[in-house]
Amino acid sequence: MPFRRRPNDNTETVVGGLTPEQQARVEIDRKLAAADWATQDFKEMDLSAARGVAVREFPTATGPADYLLYGDRKALGTIEAKKDGTPLLGVESQSDRYTAGFRQTAAKRGIPAWRQPLPFHYLSTGRETYFANRLDPDYAPREVFNFHRPETLIEIAKNGETMRQRLRQMPPLIEEGLRANQVAAIKGLEKSFASNHLRTLTPQTMGSGKTLLACAQAYRLLRYGGAGRGLFLVDRINLGEQALREFRNYVTPDDGRKLGELYNIQLLRSNQIDPAANLVITTIQRLYSMLRERASWPRASRRSRSSSESAGNRTSSNCPSATSRRFRSSFSTSCSPTRRTARSTAAGARSSTTSTPSWWD
């Protein structure tokens, strides 16, 4: 029976024995598990179970946090769970309340934390998730595909410096060897990055030097911007091979060495990314295959192949989960002749903590 709200009636209909918020928690637990978090009730808390542990209904001085996130046995942040359909940006203040409450509880009981106040906070209905990083300048919740993996949050907490911070401190651009349009594009992109607009495009016409522009910008983001990996998209494998040569041979203006001597550059010919790769070049078709996490479609018959398949691509049914093991904090550009723009159970979800682990007392 679907969930319905009667007119002028504040009661909620349960589905399968679960209220709408409990249903949301089942989905949240599933997504946490997909990102390598172990989910536990507070009364059964065991921080040795995994590197990342999400503890349900963790008590604080201002009330129980829906989830408290631990990484390497130290507190990292919280998740505020809401039923599907709740405007998440309207409940951000609850994260602030639990953050203040945890700080009091941690001081009283000596609970270790990576940073105080806790830096990472999620608001989620299971279907929709927002993330706020208090280490960011002018931080604000932003929508994400899924929860970050534990090691990602631990690394950010250790460093204490985020990509958004570093993007505001980029050194002046060395313009030698660049065309006027390339200089304007890089300066425009970095101005947008510094203003916290990371989803930014720079339209360029055919023959304007898009790949060189991508080389120069990728180098600056890797060396100065805190990027962990870059993605360069093409629509045909022969364009990928051409881009690989240009990226490897790009001479960095401040160092004098070639980009291929400083960073690992990979042209994907399978669905496996080299963990050491700093720049990855791939076709749109292969990326789609990887994100869907399925095997590529069989090659079409010679008679029915498209021009792009004839060039060496496989079309796939398979697009990346935001928290996939293969992807780190990254940026992407594209080069195309047609478009030129750069484990939980229901019982676990229902449980409410009425007892405490032995160490709490």
Foldseek 3Di string as FASTA:
>chain_A
DDWDADPPHPDIDADPPHGQQLVLVQLQCVLCVVLVEAEEEQAPDDCVPGQKYWYAQCQFQQGTFRTFIHGNQATAAGEHTDGPPDPQLVCPVVRVSVLVRRVVVCVVQVRHHLDPSRFWYWYGSSCWIWIWGNLAVVIDTDTALGDAHSVQSVVCSVVSHDLLNQLLVQDDDDCPPADPLLNVQLVVQSVCSNVVNNPDKDFDDPPRCQLLSVLQNLVSCVPGRPAQAEEEEEAAVVVLVVSVVCQQQDQHPPPRHGNVVVFAEEEDPALDDDLRHRYYYYYPQSQQQNCQPDDADDQDPPVPDDPRVVRPDTHGNHHNRPHDPRDDRYYYAYDYPVGHIGDDDSVRSPDHDPDHYPSSD
